[in-house]
Amino acid sequence: MLKKYLEGAVSDLQELILLTENDIVDAKGAEHTAIFERVSQKERLMDTFEAKKKSIDEYITKKAAANSGVSLDQLLDDIEKAYLEELKSKLLELKQVNRRYARLVVSVGTFYSSLLEKIVPTEMDGYETVIQQSASFLELKG
């Protein structure tokens, strides 16, 4: 049973990595619609991963409680240990891919914010940003 949960969790992480790498490529190509279309798929994968991880935790906890005094290394077979190592590896890989994606998103967001500021000048009024009166150049002339 543990092997099934571990295999499924690793598979979910691999799919999340792939989708996030696709998001990076699409963000670089300004394909924002494709990114938004993947959001629900990524949310479902995260939910299923969390459920599998919870099941893994519960299974290992029960097994450890039933065999008190025995180390985790002795409780698991070689295949289970290998899956746990792969799970750890995939979590680290996902973290790195998410970090790259986050840097890209921040860069793009900063670019668009500065571009918008140049097109529609604003100023701070306390904690609110308000459009300056000099933004009248946005009027359409026909």
Protein backbone atom coordinates (compact mmCIF):
# COMPACT_ATOMS: atom_id res chain seq x y z
CA MET A 1 0.00 0.00 0.00
CA LEU A 2 2.82 2.42 0.90
CA LYS A 3 4.47 1.81 -2.45
CA LYS A 4 1.24 2.76 -4.24
CA TYR A 5 1.00 6.05 -2.30
CA LEU A 6 4.67 6.84 -2.87
CA GLU A 7 4.48 6.06 -6.57
CA GLY A 8 1.39 8.24 -6.94
CA ALA A 9 2.95 11.13 -5.00
CA VAL A 10 6.10 11.00 -7.15
CA SER A 11 3.94 10.94 -10.28
CA ASP A 12 1.96 13.98 -9.09
CA LEU A 13 5.16 15.90 -8.41
CA GLN A 14 6.58 15.03 -11.82
CA GLU A 15 3.38 16.29 -13.45
CA LEU A 16 3.51 19.53 -11.40
CA ILE A 17 7.13 20.04 -12.47
CA LEU A 18 6.22 19.55 -16.11
CA LEU A 19 3.25 21.95 -15.89
CA THR A 20 5.37 24.59 -14.15
CA GLU A 21 8.10 24.26 -16.78
CA ASN A 22 5.38 24.77 -19.40
CA ASP A 23 4.27 27.87 -17.48
CA ILE A 24 7.83 29.23 -17.68
CA VAL A 25 7.97 28.70 -21.44
CA ASP A 26 4.52 30.26 -21.90
CA ALA A 27 5.34 33.24 -19.66
CA LYS A 28 8.42 33.95 -21.76
CA GLY A 29 6.23 33.82 -24.87
CA ALA A 30 3.48 35.96 -23.29
CA GLU A 31 1.02 33.05 -23.60
CA HIS A 32 -0.87 33.97 -20.44
CA THR A 33 -4.09 32.22 -21.43
CA ALA A 34 -2.31 28.86 -21.50
CA ILE A 35 -0.91 29.52 -18.03
CA PHE A 36 -4.34 30.36 -16.62
CA GLU A 37 -5.86 27.27 -18.24
CA ARG A 38 -3.39 25.06 -16.31
CA VAL A 39 -4.20 26.54 -12.90
CA SER A 40 -7.11 24.21 -12.13
CA GLN A 41 -5.11 21.19 -13.27
CA LYS A 42 -2.23 22.18 -10.97
CA GLU A 43 -4.63 22.75 -8.07
CA ARG A 44 -6.11 19.26 -8.52
CA LEU A 45 -2.62 17.75 -8.61
CA MET A 46 -1.64 19.57 -5.43
CA ASP A 47 -4.79 18.32 -3.69
CA THR A 48 -4.17 14.71 -4.73
CA PHE A 49 -0.50 14.99 -3.76
CA GLU A 50 -1.42 16.31 -0.31
CA ALA A 51 -3.91 13.46 0.17
CA LYS A 52 -1.29 10.88 -0.83
CA LYS A 53 1.31 12.49 1.43
CA LYS A 54 -1.13 12.37 4.32
CA SER A 55 -1.74 8.68 3.62
CA ILE A 56 2.03 8.07 3.49
CA ASP A 57 2.50 9.82 6.83
CA GLU A 58 -0.35 7.86 8.44
CA TYR A 59 0.92 4.54 7.08
CA ILE A 60 4.48 5.13 8.29
CA THR A 61 3.24 6.37 11.69
CA LYS A 62 1.10 3.24 12.16
CA LYS A 63 3.93 0.98 11.07
CA ALA A 64 6.35 2.73 13.44
CA ALA A 65 3.87 2.52 16.33
CA ALA A 66 3.36 -1.20 15.73
CA ASN A 67 7.13 -1.75 15.72
CA SER A 68 8.28 0.57 18.50
CA GLY A 69 12.00 0.83 18.95
CA VAL A 70 12.71 -0.13 15.34
CA SER A 71 14.27 2.56 13.15
CA LEU A 72 12.52 3.77 10.02
CA ASP A 73 15.41 2.45 7.98
CA GLN A 74 14.61 -1.06 9.24
CA LEU A 75 10.84 -0.71 8.83
CA LEU A 76 10.92 0.03 5.10
CA ASP A 77 12.07 -2.23 2.32
CA ASP A 78 14.51 -1.13 -0.37
CA ILE A 79 11.80 -0.19 -2.85
CA GLU A 80 10.00 2.00 -0.30
CA LYS A 81 13.28 3.69 0.63
CA ALA A 82 14.02 4.33 -3.03
CA TYR A 83 10.57 5.88 -3.51
CA LEU A 84 11.09 8.09 -0.47
CA GLU A 85 14.41 9.28 -1.89
CA GLU A 86 12.78 9.95 -5.26
CA LEU A 87 9.96 11.82 -3.50
CA LYS A 88 12.51 14.00 -1.74
CA SER A 89 14.37 14.58 -5.00
CA LYS A 90 11.17 15.56 -6.86
CA LEU A 91 10.15 17.93 -4.06
CA LEU A 92 13.52 19.68 -4.33
CA GLU A 93 13.23 19.81 -8.12
CA LEU A 94 9.73 21.30 -7.86
CA LYS A 95 11.05 23.88 -5.40
CA GLN A 96 13.76 24.93 -7.87
CA VAL A 97 11.34 25.11 -10.81
CA ASN A 98 8.87 27.13 -8.73
CA ARG A 99 11.69 29.49 -7.73
CA ARG A 100 12.59 30.07 -11.40
CA TYR A 101 8.93 30.63 -12.24
CA ALA A 102 8.47 33.05 -9.33
CA ARG A 103 11.48 35.13 -10.42
CA LEU A 104 10.07 35.30 -13.94
CA VAL A 105 6.60 36.28 -12.72
CA VAL A 106 8.02 39.02 -10.50
CA SER A 107 10.12 40.35 -13.39
CA VAL A 108 7.16 40.40 -15.76
CA GLY A 109 4.92 41.98 -13.11
CA THR A 110 7.48 44.69 -12.41
CA PHE A 111 7.85 45.39 -16.13
CA TYR A 112 4.09 45.75 -16.64
CA SER A 113 3.72 47.90 -13.53
CA SER A 114 6.45 50.27 -14.68
CA LEU A 115 4.96 50.38 -18.17
CA LEU A 116 1.54 51.17 -16.76
CA GLU A 117 3.05 53.87 -14.54
CA LYS A 118 4.58 55.51 -17.63
CA ILE A 119 1.31 55.36 -19.56
CA VAL A 120 -1.00 56.34 -16.67
CA PRO A 121 0.95 58.41 -14.14
CA THR A 122 -0.19 57.87 -10.55
CA GLU A 123 0.69 59.27 -7.16
CA MET A 124 0.24 58.06 -3.63
CA ASP A 125 -2.49 59.64 -1.53
CA GLY A 126 -1.91 58.06 1.86
CA TYR A 127 -2.20 54.32 1.23
CA GLU A 128 -4.10 54.68 -2.03
CA THR A 129 -2.74 55.08 -5.53
CA VAL A 130 -4.62 57.71 -7.51
CA ILE A 131 -4.36 58.71 -11.16
CA GLN A 132 -2.80 62.11 -11.67
CA GLN A 133 -4.95 64.73 -13.34
CA SER A 134 -2.33 65.05 -16.11
CA ALA A 135 -3.39 61.69 -17.52
CA SER A 136 -5.82 63.43 -19.90
CA PHE A 137 -3.70 62.38 -22.89
CA LEU A 138 -5.63 59.11 -22.79
CA GLU A 139 -8.63 60.78 -24.41
CA LEU A 140 -9.61 59.33 -27.75
CA LYS A 141 -9.83 61.78 -30.62
CA GLY A 142 -11.78 60.87 -33.69
